[in-house]
Amino acid sequence: MKRIKLILVSLLCMMTLSGFAQEKPVNQAALDNIHARKSVRSYTDENVTPEQVETLLRAAMAAPSGMNAQPWRFVVVREQEVKNKLAGGFNKMIAKAPVVIVVCGKTTNKTGGQNGNWTADCAVAAENLLLAAEALGLGAVWTACYPYEDRMKPTIEALGLPDEVKPLCIIPVGHPAGKDKPKDKWNPENIHYDKW
């Protein structure tokens, strides 16, 4: 009986250890979603639900952040008058989207000094949001705001942003009205190994 117990314990240990030695399986769905992401600029009239918006924002806030500062701030806009102001003269698709998410950054740190990472941190948060939109079957597009004063100033005014918060980009979100396709941006010539 002791011998059978010893064999069973040995087999269990081997099975457990072999599980640790196996490579983690590739999450192909995640990779497919990254490669399927596209810029969608026209939308149907179908609503984007509050639950979908929360999913987008949760994904955005899962982004990495330098020194864990998490400077991102988000303004969700549904009111047509505000969307019209954000669209201004530079981007009409903002006014036509069911919902617009303005990705902003707090430019100061906890001690009141300048946060030099706010643009990078907010950019990765915006990319997470765009990938989440793709995963939900929604369409979205990055619309640059920072560093263009002619875009930043009306956005700051329309949203009533405080002095230490700047808009990085405006992301219109909706259900795609067309058949947009992702662009293949793979270019091995842009890659260098070990040195330039």
N, C-alpha and C. Protein backbone atom coordinates (compact mmCIF):
# COMPACT_ATOMS: atom_id res chain seq x y z
N MET A 1 0.82 -1.19 0.00
CA MET A 1 0.00 0.00 0.00
C MET A 1 0.86 1.25 0.00
N LYS A 2 1.96 1.22 0.80
CA LYS A 2 2.87 2.37 0.84
C LYS A 2 3.48 2.61 -0.53
N ARG A 3 3.77 1.51 -1.22
CA ARG A 3 4.39 1.63 -2.53
C ARG A 3 3.42 2.29 -3.53
N ILE A 4 2.14 1.94 -3.48
CA ILE A 4 1.14 2.53 -4.37
C ILE A 4 0.99 4.02 -4.07
N LYS A 5 0.97 4.39 -2.80
CA LYS A 5 0.88 5.80 -2.41
C LYS A 5 2.10 6.57 -2.92
N LEU A 6 3.28 5.97 -2.80
CA LEU A 6 4.51 6.61 -3.26
C LEU A 6 4.48 6.82 -4.77
N ILE A 7 3.99 5.83 -5.50
CA ILE A 7 3.89 5.94 -6.96
C ILE A 7 2.89 7.03 -7.34
N LEU A 8 1.73 7.06 -6.66
CA LEU A 8 0.73 8.08 -6.95
C LEU A 8 1.25 9.48 -6.65
N VAL A 9 1.93 9.65 -5.53
CA VAL A 9 2.51 10.95 -5.18
C VAL A 9 3.56 11.34 -6.21
N SER A 10 4.38 10.40 -6.63
CA SER A 10 5.42 10.68 -7.65
C SER A 10 4.78 11.11 -8.96
N LEU A 11 3.72 10.39 -9.38
CA LEU A 11 3.03 10.75 -10.63
C LEU A 11 2.40 12.13 -10.54
N LEU A 12 1.80 12.42 -9.41
CA LEU A 12 1.19 13.73 -9.21
C LEU A 12 2.23 14.83 -9.28
N CYS A 13 3.37 14.62 -8.65
CA CYS A 13 4.46 15.60 -8.69
C CYS A 13 4.97 15.80 -10.12
N MET A 14 5.13 14.70 -10.85
CA MET A 14 5.61 14.80 -12.23
C MET A 14 4.61 15.56 -13.11
N MET A 15 3.33 15.27 -12.90
CA MET A 15 2.31 15.96 -13.69
C MET A 15 2.29 17.45 -13.36
N THR A 16 2.43 17.79 -12.10
CA THR A 16 2.44 19.18 -11.68
C THR A 16 3.65 19.90 -12.25
N LEU A 17 4.83 19.29 -12.12
CA LEU A 17 6.05 19.92 -12.63
C LEU A 17 6.02 20.04 -14.15
N SER A 18 5.48 19.05 -14.84
CA SER A 18 5.42 19.14 -16.30
C SER A 18 4.50 20.27 -16.73
N GLY A 19 3.48 20.56 -15.92
CA GLY A 19 2.60 21.70 -16.22
C GLY A 19 3.34 23.01 -16.16
N PHE A 20 4.29 23.14 -15.22
CA PHE A 20 5.08 24.37 -15.12
C PHE A 20 6.06 24.50 -16.27
N ALA A 21 6.51 23.38 -16.79
CA ALA A 21 7.52 23.40 -17.85
C ALA A 21 6.90 23.76 -19.21
N GLN A 22 5.59 23.57 -19.36
CA GLN A 22 4.95 23.85 -20.64
C GLN A 22 4.90 25.36 -20.89
N GLU A 23 5.04 25.70 -22.17
CA GLU A 23 4.91 27.10 -22.52
C GLU A 23 3.47 27.54 -22.38
N LYS A 24 3.31 28.81 -22.02
CA LYS A 24 1.97 29.37 -21.94
C LYS A 24 1.40 29.43 -23.35
N PRO A 25 0.16 29.00 -23.55
CA PRO A 25 -0.41 29.03 -24.90
C PRO A 25 -0.57 30.47 -25.38
N VAL A 26 -0.42 30.63 -26.68
CA VAL A 26 -0.57 31.95 -27.29
C VAL A 26 -2.04 32.34 -27.28
N ASN A 27 -2.32 33.57 -26.89
CA ASN A 27 -3.68 34.09 -26.92
C ASN A 27 -3.91 34.68 -28.31
N GLN A 28 -4.26 33.82 -29.24
CA GLN A 28 -4.40 34.23 -30.64
C GLN A 28 -5.49 35.27 -30.81
N ALA A 29 -6.55 35.19 -30.01
CA ALA A 29 -7.65 36.16 -30.12
C ALA A 29 -7.16 37.58 -29.84
N ALA A 30 -6.28 37.71 -28.84
CA ALA A 30 -5.74 39.03 -28.52
C ALA A 30 -4.90 39.57 -29.68
N LEU A 31 -4.06 38.70 -30.26
CA LEU A 31 -3.24 39.13 -31.39
C LEU A 31 -4.10 39.45 -32.61
N ASP A 32 -5.13 38.65 -32.85
CA ASP A 32 -6.03 38.92 -33.97
C ASP A 32 -6.72 40.27 -33.79
N ASN A 33 -7.12 40.58 -32.56
CA ASN A 33 -7.78 41.85 -32.28
C ASN A 33 -6.85 43.03 -32.57
N ILE A 34 -5.59 42.90 -32.18
CA ILE A 34 -4.62 43.97 -32.44
C ILE A 34 -4.50 44.22 -33.94
N HIS A 35 -4.39 43.13 -34.71
CA HIS A 35 -4.21 43.27 -36.16
C HIS A 35 -5.50 43.67 -36.88
N ALA A 36 -6.63 43.49 -36.24
CA ALA A 36 -7.91 43.86 -36.85
C ALA A 36 -8.28 45.32 -36.59
N ARG A 37 -7.60 45.97 -35.64
CA ARG A 37 -7.94 47.35 -35.28
C ARG A 37 -7.81 48.25 -36.50
N LYS A 38 -8.79 49.10 -36.66
CA LYS A 38 -8.80 50.02 -37.79
C LYS A 38 -9.40 51.36 -37.37
N SER A 39 -9.15 52.36 -38.15
CA SER A 39 -9.71 53.69 -37.90
C SER A 39 -11.07 53.78 -38.58
N VAL A 40 -12.11 53.93 -37.78
CA VAL A 40 -13.48 54.01 -38.29
C VAL A 40 -13.97 55.44 -38.13
N ARG A 41 -14.39 56.03 -39.25
CA ARG A 41 -14.75 57.45 -39.27
C ARG A 41 -16.22 57.73 -39.56
N SER A 42 -17.01 56.68 -39.81
CA SER A 42 -18.44 56.90 -40.03
C SER A 42 -19.22 55.85 -39.23
N TYR A 43 -20.35 56.30 -38.68
CA TYR A 43 -21.08 55.50 -37.70
C TYR A 43 -22.57 55.48 -38.00
N THR A 44 -23.22 54.42 -37.55
CA THR A 44 -24.68 54.34 -37.65
C THR A 44 -25.27 55.17 -36.51
N ASP A 45 -26.60 55.22 -36.46
CA ASP A 45 -27.28 55.95 -35.38
C ASP A 45 -27.44 55.11 -34.11
N GLU A 46 -27.01 53.84 -34.17
CA GLU A 46 -27.17 52.95 -33.02
C GLU A 46 -26.39 53.47 -31.82
N ASN A 47 -27.01 53.36 -30.67
CA ASN A 47 -26.42 53.88 -29.44
C ASN A 47 -25.23 53.04 -28.97
N VAL A 48 -24.31 53.68 -28.30
CA VAL A 48 -23.24 53.00 -27.56
C VAL A 48 -23.68 53.01 -26.10
N THR A 49 -23.82 51.84 -25.51
CA THR A 49 -24.41 51.74 -24.17
C THR A 49 -23.45 52.22 -23.08
N PRO A 50 -23.98 52.60 -21.94
CA PRO A 50 -23.11 52.96 -20.81
C PRO A 50 -22.19 51.81 -20.41
N GLU A 51 -22.66 50.58 -20.53
CA GLU A 51 -21.83 49.41 -20.20
C GLU A 51 -20.65 49.30 -21.17
N GLN A 52 -20.90 49.56 -22.45
CA GLN A 52 -19.82 49.54 -23.43
C GLN A 52 -18.80 50.64 -23.14
N VAL A 53 -19.29 51.82 -22.80
CA VAL A 53 -18.39 52.93 -22.46
C VAL A 53 -17.54 52.56 -21.26
N GLU A 54 -18.16 51.97 -20.23
CA GLU A 54 -17.39 51.58 -19.06
C GLU A 54 -16.34 50.53 -19.41
N THR A 55 -16.68 49.59 -20.28
CA THR A 55 -15.71 48.58 -20.72
C THR A 55 -14.52 49.26 -21.41
N LEU A 56 -14.79 50.23 -22.26
CA LEU A 56 -13.72 50.98 -22.93
C LEU A 56 -12.82 51.69 -21.93
N LEU A 57 -13.44 52.32 -20.95
CA LEU A 57 -12.66 53.08 -19.96
C LEU A 57 -11.88 52.17 -19.02
N ARG A 58 -12.44 51.02 -18.68
CA ARG A 58 -11.70 50.05 -17.86
C ARG A 58 -10.46 49.56 -18.60
N ALA A 59 -10.62 49.30 -19.90
CA ALA A 59 -9.49 48.87 -20.71
C ALA A 59 -8.44 49.98 -20.78
N ALA A 60 -8.89 51.21 -20.96
CA ALA A 60 -7.96 52.35 -21.02
C ALA A 60 -7.15 52.45 -19.73
N MET A 61 -7.82 52.30 -18.61
CA MET A 61 -7.15 52.48 -17.32
C MET A 61 -6.32 51.26 -16.92
N ALA A 62 -6.34 50.21 -17.72
CA ALA A 62 -5.47 49.05 -17.48
C ALA A 62 -4.09 49.26 -18.12
N ALA A 63 -3.88 50.39 -18.75
CA ALA A 63 -2.62 50.68 -19.45
C ALA A 63 -1.47 50.85 -18.47
N PRO A 64 -0.23 50.63 -18.94
CA PRO A 64 0.93 50.92 -18.10
C PRO A 64 1.08 52.42 -17.90
N SER A 65 1.75 52.79 -16.83
CA SER A 65 1.92 54.21 -16.52
C SER A 65 3.26 54.42 -15.83
N GLY A 66 4.04 55.38 -16.33
CA GLY A 66 5.34 55.69 -15.72
C GLY A 66 5.19 56.05 -14.26
N MET A 67 5.93 55.36 -13.40
CA MET A 67 5.88 55.56 -11.96
C MET A 67 4.46 55.42 -11.40
N ASN A 68 3.61 54.71 -12.16
CA ASN A 68 2.22 54.47 -11.79
C ASN A 68 1.46 55.76 -11.49
N ALA A 69 1.80 56.83 -12.21
CA ALA A 69 1.18 58.14 -11.98
C ALA A 69 -0.28 58.17 -12.42
N GLN A 70 -0.63 57.36 -13.42
CA GLN A 70 -2.00 57.30 -13.93
C GLN A 70 -2.58 58.71 -14.15
N PRO A 71 -1.94 59.52 -15.01
CA PRO A 71 -2.40 60.89 -15.20
C PRO A 71 -3.64 61.02 -16.08
N TRP A 72 -4.09 59.90 -16.65
CA TRP A 72 -5.21 59.97 -17.57
C TRP A 72 -6.49 60.41 -16.90
N ARG A 73 -7.23 61.21 -17.63
CA ARG A 73 -8.57 61.65 -17.24
C ARG A 73 -9.40 61.55 -18.52
N PHE A 74 -10.67 61.22 -18.38
CA PHE A 74 -11.52 60.99 -19.55
C PHE A 74 -12.79 61.81 -19.42
N VAL A 75 -13.18 62.43 -20.52
CA VAL A 75 -14.46 63.14 -20.56
C VAL A 75 -15.31 62.43 -21.62
N VAL A 76 -16.43 61.86 -21.17
CA VAL A 76 -17.35 61.17 -22.07
C VAL A 76 -18.42 62.17 -22.49
N VAL A 77 -18.55 62.36 -23.79
CA VAL A 77 -19.46 63.38 -24.31
C VAL A 77 -20.55 62.73 -25.16
N ARG A 78 -21.79 63.00 -24.78
CA ARG A 78 -22.94 62.54 -25.56
C ARG A 78 -23.77 63.72 -26.06
N GLU A 79 -23.68 64.86 -25.40
CA GLU A 79 -24.50 66.02 -25.78
C GLU A 79 -24.05 66.56 -27.13
N GLN A 80 -25.01 66.73 -28.03
CA GLN A 80 -24.71 67.15 -29.39
C GLN A 80 -24.04 68.51 -29.45
N GLU A 81 -24.50 69.43 -28.63
CA GLU A 81 -23.92 70.79 -28.64
C GLU A 81 -22.43 70.75 -28.30
N VAL A 82 -22.06 69.92 -27.32
CA VAL A 82 -20.64 69.82 -26.94
C VAL A 82 -19.85 69.12 -28.04
N LYS A 83 -20.42 68.07 -28.64
CA LYS A 83 -19.73 67.38 -29.75
C LYS A 83 -19.50 68.34 -30.91
N ASN A 84 -20.48 69.19 -31.19
CA ASN A 84 -20.32 70.18 -32.26
C ASN A 84 -19.16 71.12 -31.98
N LYS A 85 -19.04 71.55 -30.72
CA LYS A 85 -17.93 72.45 -30.34
C LYS A 85 -16.59 71.73 -30.48
N LEU A 86 -16.56 70.45 -30.09
CA LEU A 86 -15.32 69.68 -30.20
C LEU A 86 -14.92 69.47 -31.66
N ALA A 87 -15.92 69.26 -32.52
CA ALA A 87 -15.65 69.05 -33.94
C ALA A 87 -15.08 70.31 -34.57
N GLY A 88 -15.59 71.46 -34.14
CA GLY A 88 -15.10 72.73 -34.67
C GLY A 88 -15.01 72.71 -36.18
N GLY A 89 -13.95 73.27 -36.69
CA GLY A 89 -13.75 73.28 -38.12
C GLY A 89 -12.80 72.21 -38.60
N PHE A 90 -12.33 71.35 -37.69
CA PHE A 90 -11.28 70.43 -38.11
C PHE A 90 -11.70 68.97 -38.23
N ASN A 91 -12.82 68.58 -37.64
CA ASN A 91 -13.15 67.17 -37.74
C ASN A 91 -14.64 66.92 -37.54
N LYS A 92 -15.36 66.84 -38.62
CA LYS A 92 -16.82 66.69 -38.57
C LYS A 92 -17.27 65.34 -38.02
N MET A 93 -16.44 64.30 -38.12
CA MET A 93 -16.87 62.98 -37.64
C MET A 93 -17.10 62.98 -36.13
N ILE A 94 -16.45 63.89 -35.42
CA ILE A 94 -16.66 64.00 -33.98
C ILE A 94 -18.12 64.32 -33.68
N ALA A 95 -18.69 65.22 -34.47
CA ALA A 95 -20.08 65.63 -34.25
C ALA A 95 -21.07 64.52 -34.60
N LYS A 96 -20.66 63.60 -35.48
CA LYS A 96 -21.58 62.57 -35.96
C LYS A 96 -21.53 61.27 -35.15
N ALA A 97 -20.57 61.12 -34.27
CA ALA A 97 -20.45 59.89 -33.47
C ALA A 97 -21.47 59.91 -32.33
N PRO A 98 -22.01 58.74 -31.98
CA PRO A 98 -22.95 58.68 -30.85
C PRO A 98 -22.33 59.10 -29.53
N VAL A 99 -21.05 58.76 -29.35
CA VAL A 99 -20.35 59.14 -28.12
C VAL A 99 -18.91 59.49 -28.48
N VAL A 100 -18.38 60.43 -27.75
CA VAL A 100 -17.00 60.86 -27.95
C VAL A 100 -16.29 60.77 -26.60
N ILE A 101 -15.09 60.21 -26.62
CA ILE A 101 -14.30 60.14 -25.39
C ILE A 101 -13.05 60.98 -25.60
N VAL A 102 -12.90 61.99 -24.76
CA VAL A 102 -11.73 62.86 -24.83
C VAL A 102 -10.72 62.35 -23.81
N VAL A 103 -9.56 61.95 -24.30
CA VAL A 103 -8.50 61.46 -23.42
C VAL A 103 -7.65 62.66 -23.03
N CYS A 104 -7.64 62.93 -21.75
CA CYS A 104 -6.90 64.08 -21.22
C CYS A 104 -5.82 63.59 -20.26
N GLY A 105 -4.89 64.48 -19.95
CA GLY A 105 -3.84 64.12 -19.01
C GLY A 105 -3.60 65.21 -17.99
N LYS A 106 -3.39 64.77 -16.76
CA LYS A 106 -3.01 65.70 -15.69
C LYS A 106 -1.52 65.94 -15.83
N THR A 107 -1.15 67.18 -16.09
CA THR A 107 0.24 67.51 -16.43
C THR A 107 1.12 67.73 -15.21
N THR A 108 0.53 67.69 -14.03
CA THR A 108 1.31 67.85 -12.81
C THR A 108 1.30 66.55 -12.02
N ASN A 109 2.35 66.35 -11.22
CA ASN A 109 2.41 65.14 -10.39
C ASN A 109 1.83 65.42 -9.01
N LYS A 110 1.94 64.45 -8.13
CA LYS A 110 1.33 64.57 -6.80
C LYS A 110 1.92 65.70 -5.97
N THR A 111 3.16 66.07 -6.26
CA THR A 111 3.80 67.15 -5.49
C THR A 111 3.64 68.51 -6.16
N GLY A 112 2.93 68.54 -7.29
CA GLY A 112 2.71 69.80 -7.99
C GLY A 112 3.72 70.11 -9.08
N GLY A 113 4.75 69.24 -9.23
CA GLY A 113 5.73 69.42 -10.29
C GLY A 113 5.19 68.93 -11.62
N GLN A 114 5.96 69.14 -12.67
CA GLN A 114 5.54 68.73 -14.00
C GLN A 114 5.62 67.21 -14.16
N ASN A 115 4.62 66.63 -14.79
CA ASN A 115 4.62 65.21 -15.12
C ASN A 115 5.01 65.09 -16.59
N GLY A 116 6.25 64.77 -16.86
CA GLY A 116 6.74 64.67 -18.22
C GLY A 116 6.25 63.45 -18.97
N ASN A 117 5.62 62.51 -18.28
CA ASN A 117 5.14 61.27 -18.92
C ASN A 117 3.68 61.32 -19.33
N TRP A 118 3.00 62.40 -19.08
CA TRP A 118 1.55 62.38 -19.27
C TRP A 118 1.13 62.04 -20.69
N THR A 119 1.86 62.52 -21.69
CA THR A 119 1.46 62.23 -23.08
C THR A 119 1.64 60.75 -23.40
N ALA A 120 2.75 60.16 -22.97
CA ALA A 120 2.99 58.74 -23.23
C ALA A 120 1.96 57.88 -22.50
N ASP A 121 1.73 58.19 -21.22
CA ASP A 121 0.77 57.41 -20.44
C ASP A 121 -0.63 57.48 -21.03
N CYS A 122 -1.03 58.67 -21.44
CA CYS A 122 -2.38 58.83 -22.01
C CYS A 122 -2.47 58.20 -23.39
N ALA A 123 -1.36 58.18 -24.13
CA ALA A 123 -1.37 57.55 -25.46
C ALA A 123 -1.58 56.05 -25.35
N VAL A 124 -0.92 55.39 -24.39
CA VAL A 124 -1.14 53.95 -24.26
C VAL A 124 -2.54 53.65 -23.73
N ALA A 125 -3.08 54.54 -22.90
CA ALA A 125 -4.46 54.38 -22.45
C ALA A 125 -5.42 54.50 -23.64
N ALA A 126 -5.15 55.45 -24.52
CA ALA A 126 -5.99 55.63 -25.72
C ALA A 126 -5.91 54.40 -26.62
N GLU A 127 -4.72 53.84 -26.78
CA GLU A 127 -4.58 52.63 -27.61
C GLU A 127 -5.36 51.47 -27.02
N ASN A 128 -5.30 51.31 -25.70
CA ASN A 128 -6.10 50.26 -25.05
C ASN A 128 -7.58 50.47 -25.34
N LEU A 129 -8.02 51.71 -25.28
CA LEU A 129 -9.42 52.04 -25.55
C LEU A 129 -9.79 51.66 -26.99
N LEU A 130 -8.91 51.99 -27.94
CA LEU A 130 -9.16 51.67 -29.35
C LEU A 130 -9.22 50.16 -29.57
N LEU A 131 -8.34 49.41 -28.90
CA LEU A 131 -8.36 47.95 -29.02
C LEU A 131 -9.63 47.37 -28.39
N ALA A 132 -10.06 47.94 -27.29
CA ALA A 132 -11.30 47.47 -26.65
C ALA A 132 -12.49 47.75 -27.56
N ALA A 133 -12.51 48.89 -28.23
CA ALA A 133 -13.59 49.20 -29.16
C ALA A 133 -13.65 48.14 -30.26
N GLU A 134 -12.50 47.78 -30.79
CA GLU A 134 -12.44 46.74 -31.82
C GLU A 134 -12.99 45.42 -31.28
N ALA A 135 -12.61 45.06 -30.07
CA ALA A 135 -13.06 43.80 -29.46
C ALA A 135 -14.58 43.79 -29.25
N LEU A 136 -15.16 44.97 -29.01
CA LEU A 136 -16.61 45.06 -28.79
C LEU A 136 -17.41 45.17 -30.09
N GLY A 137 -16.70 45.21 -31.22
CA GLY A 137 -17.39 45.38 -32.50
C GLY A 137 -17.77 46.81 -32.79
N LEU A 138 -17.18 47.74 -32.05
CA LEU A 138 -17.43 49.17 -32.26
C LEU A 138 -16.36 49.74 -33.17
N GLY A 139 -16.62 50.91 -33.69
CA GLY A 139 -15.64 51.62 -34.48
C GLY A 139 -15.17 52.85 -33.74
N ALA A 140 -13.90 53.18 -33.88
CA ALA A 140 -13.34 54.35 -33.21
C ALA A 140 -12.13 54.83 -34.00
N VAL A 141 -11.73 56.05 -33.72
CA VAL A 141 -10.56 56.61 -34.39
C VAL A 141 -9.89 57.64 -33.48
N TRP A 142 -8.57 57.64 -33.49
CA TRP A 142 -7.77 58.63 -32.77
C TRP A 142 -7.83 59.93 -33.56
N THR A 143 -8.21 61.00 -32.91
CA THR A 143 -8.20 62.33 -33.51
C THR A 143 -7.29 63.19 -32.65
N ALA A 144 -6.17 63.58 -33.19
CA ALA A 144 -5.17 64.32 -32.42
C ALA A 144 -5.70 65.66 -31.95
N CYS A 145 -5.36 66.00 -30.74
CA CYS A 145 -5.70 67.30 -30.17
C CYS A 145 -4.38 67.99 -29.77
N TYR A 146 -3.65 67.36 -28.85
CA TYR A 146 -2.33 67.85 -28.44
C TYR A 146 -1.33 67.53 -29.53
N PRO A 147 -0.41 68.39 -29.87
CA PRO A 147 -0.03 69.67 -29.29
C PRO A 147 -0.57 70.87 -30.08
N TYR A 148 -1.64 70.69 -30.84
CA TYR A 148 -2.14 71.74 -31.71
C TYR A 148 -3.01 72.73 -30.94
N GLU A 149 -2.52 73.93 -30.77
CA GLU A 149 -3.25 74.95 -29.99
C GLU A 149 -4.64 75.22 -30.56
N ASP A 150 -4.75 75.21 -31.91
CA ASP A 150 -6.05 75.49 -32.52
C ASP A 150 -7.08 74.39 -32.24
N ARG A 151 -6.64 73.23 -31.81
CA ARG A 151 -7.54 72.15 -31.42
C ARG A 151 -7.68 72.08 -29.90
N MET A 152 -6.59 72.32 -29.21
CA MET A 152 -6.61 72.22 -27.75
C MET A 152 -7.48 73.30 -27.12
N LYS A 153 -7.30 74.53 -27.57
CA LYS A 153 -8.01 75.65 -26.93
C LYS A 153 -9.53 75.48 -26.96
N PRO A 154 -10.14 75.20 -28.13
CA PRO A 154 -11.60 75.01 -28.11
C PRO A 154 -12.04 73.78 -27.31
N THR A 155 -11.20 72.76 -27.27
CA THR A 155 -11.53 71.55 -26.49
C THR A 155 -11.51 71.88 -25.00
N ILE A 156 -10.48 72.58 -24.57
CA ILE A 156 -10.39 72.99 -23.16
C ILE A 156 -11.59 73.84 -22.77
N GLU A 157 -11.96 74.77 -23.63
CA GLU A 157 -13.10 75.65 -23.35
C GLU A 157 -14.41 74.88 -23.35
N ALA A 158 -14.62 74.01 -24.35
CA ALA A 158 -15.88 73.27 -24.45
C ALA A 158 -16.10 72.35 -23.25
N LEU A 159 -14.99 71.79 -22.72
CA LEU A 159 -15.10 70.83 -21.62
C LEU A 159 -14.89 71.46 -20.24
N GLY A 160 -14.42 72.71 -20.22
CA GLY A 160 -14.15 73.36 -18.93
C GLY A 160 -13.02 72.69 -18.17
N LEU A 161 -11.96 72.30 -18.89
CA LEU A 161 -10.85 71.60 -18.25
C LEU A 161 -10.07 72.53 -17.32
N PRO A 162 -9.63 72.03 -16.17
CA PRO A 162 -8.79 72.84 -15.29
C PRO A 162 -7.41 73.07 -15.91
N ASP A 163 -6.67 74.04 -15.40
CA ASP A 163 -5.38 74.43 -15.98
C ASP A 163 -4.39 73.28 -16.09
N GLU A 164 -4.39 72.37 -15.11
CA GLU A 164 -3.38 71.31 -15.09
C GLU A 164 -3.78 70.09 -15.93
N VAL A 165 -4.92 70.15 -16.60
CA VAL A 165 -5.39 69.03 -17.44
C VAL A 165 -5.43 69.48 -18.90
N LYS A 166 -4.79 68.68 -19.76
CA LYS A 166 -4.72 69.00 -21.19
C LYS A 166 -5.32 67.85 -22.00
N PRO A 167 -6.01 68.18 -23.10
CA PRO A 167 -6.56 67.12 -23.95
C PRO A 167 -5.49 66.56 -24.88
N LEU A 168 -5.34 65.24 -24.88
CA LEU A 168 -4.38 64.59 -25.78
C LEU A 168 -5.04 64.25 -27.11
N CYS A 169 -6.21 63.60 -27.05
CA CYS A 169 -6.89 63.21 -28.28
C CYS A 169 -8.39 63.09 -28.02
N ILE A 170 -9.12 63.13 -29.12
CA ILE A 170 -10.56 62.98 -29.09
C ILE A 170 -10.87 61.70 -29.86
N ILE A 171 -11.61 60.78 -29.23
CA ILE A 171 -11.91 59.50 -29.86
C ILE A 171 -13.42 59.37 -30.07
N PRO A 172 -13.89 59.57 -31.31
CA PRO A 172 -15.29 59.29 -31.61
C PRO A 172 -15.51 57.77 -31.60
N VAL A 173 -16.64 57.35 -31.06
CA VAL A 173 -16.94 55.91 -30.95
C VAL A 173 -18.37 55.67 -31.40
N GLY A 174 -18.56 54.61 -32.19
CA GLY A 174 -19.91 54.25 -32.62
C GLY A 174 -19.89 52.90 -33.32
N HIS A 175 -21.04 52.51 -33.82
CA HIS A 175 -21.14 51.29 -34.60
C HIS A 175 -20.76 51.62 -36.03
N PRO A 176 -19.83 50.88 -36.62
CA PRO A 176 -19.34 51.22 -37.96
C PRO A 176 -20.47 51.24 -39.00
N ALA A 177 -20.46 52.28 -39.85
CA ALA A 177 -21.46 52.40 -40.91
C ALA A 177 -20.97 51.75 -42.20
N GLY A 178 -19.67 51.49 -42.29
CA GLY A 178 -19.12 50.92 -43.52
C GLY A 178 -18.34 49.66 -43.26
N LYS A 179 -17.53 49.29 -44.22
CA LYS A 179 -16.70 48.08 -44.14
C LYS A 179 -15.23 48.50 -44.10
N ASP A 180 -14.85 49.21 -43.08
CA ASP A 180 -13.45 49.64 -42.96
C ASP A 180 -12.55 48.43 -42.77
N LYS A 181 -11.35 48.52 -43.27
CA LYS A 181 -10.39 47.42 -43.16
C LYS A 181 -9.11 47.91 -42.51
N PRO A 182 -8.46 47.04 -41.75
CA PRO A 182 -7.18 47.44 -41.14
C PRO A 182 -6.10 47.59 -42.21
N LYS A 183 -5.13 48.43 -41.92
CA LYS A 183 -3.99 48.60 -42.82
C LYS A 183 -2.85 47.71 -42.37
N ASP A 184 -2.18 47.10 -43.31
CA ASP A 184 -1.01 46.29 -42.98
C ASP A 184 0.19 47.23 -42.90
N LYS A 185 0.65 47.49 -41.69
CA LYS A 185 1.74 48.44 -41.48
C LYS A 185 3.08 47.75 -41.20
N TRP A 186 3.11 46.43 -41.35
CA TRP A 186 4.33 45.67 -41.10
C TRP A 186 5.39 46.09 -42.11
N ASN A 187 6.55 46.49 -41.61
CA ASN A 187 7.67 46.89 -42.47
C ASN A 187 8.97 46.48 -41.79
N PRO A 188 9.58 45.37 -42.20
CA PRO A 188 10.81 44.89 -41.58
C PRO A 188 11.97 45.90 -41.69
N GLU A 189 11.90 46.83 -42.64
CA GLU A 189 12.96 47.82 -42.79
C GLU A 189 13.02 48.79 -41.60
N ASN A 190 11.95 48.84 -40.81
CA ASN A 190 11.93 49.71 -39.63
C ASN A 190 12.51 49.05 -38.39
N ILE A 191 13.05 47.85 -38.53
CA ILE A 191 13.54 47.09 -37.39
C ILE A 191 15.06 47.00 -37.44
N HIS A 192 15.69 47.23 -36.29
CA HIS A 192 17.15 47.08 -36.16
C HIS A 192 17.40 46.18 -34.96
N TYR A 193 18.38 45.31 -35.07
CA TYR A 193 18.71 44.39 -33.97
C TYR A 193 20.07 44.73 -33.40
N ASP A 194 20.12 44.83 -32.10
CA ASP A 194 21.35 45.06 -31.33
C ASP A 194 21.93 46.45 -31.51
N LYS A 195 21.94 47.01 -32.71
CA LYS A 195 22.39 48.38 -32.94
C LYS A 195 21.80 48.87 -34.25
N TRP A 196 21.89 50.16 -34.50
CA TRP A 196 21.35 50.72 -35.73
C TRP A 196 22.13 50.24 -36.90
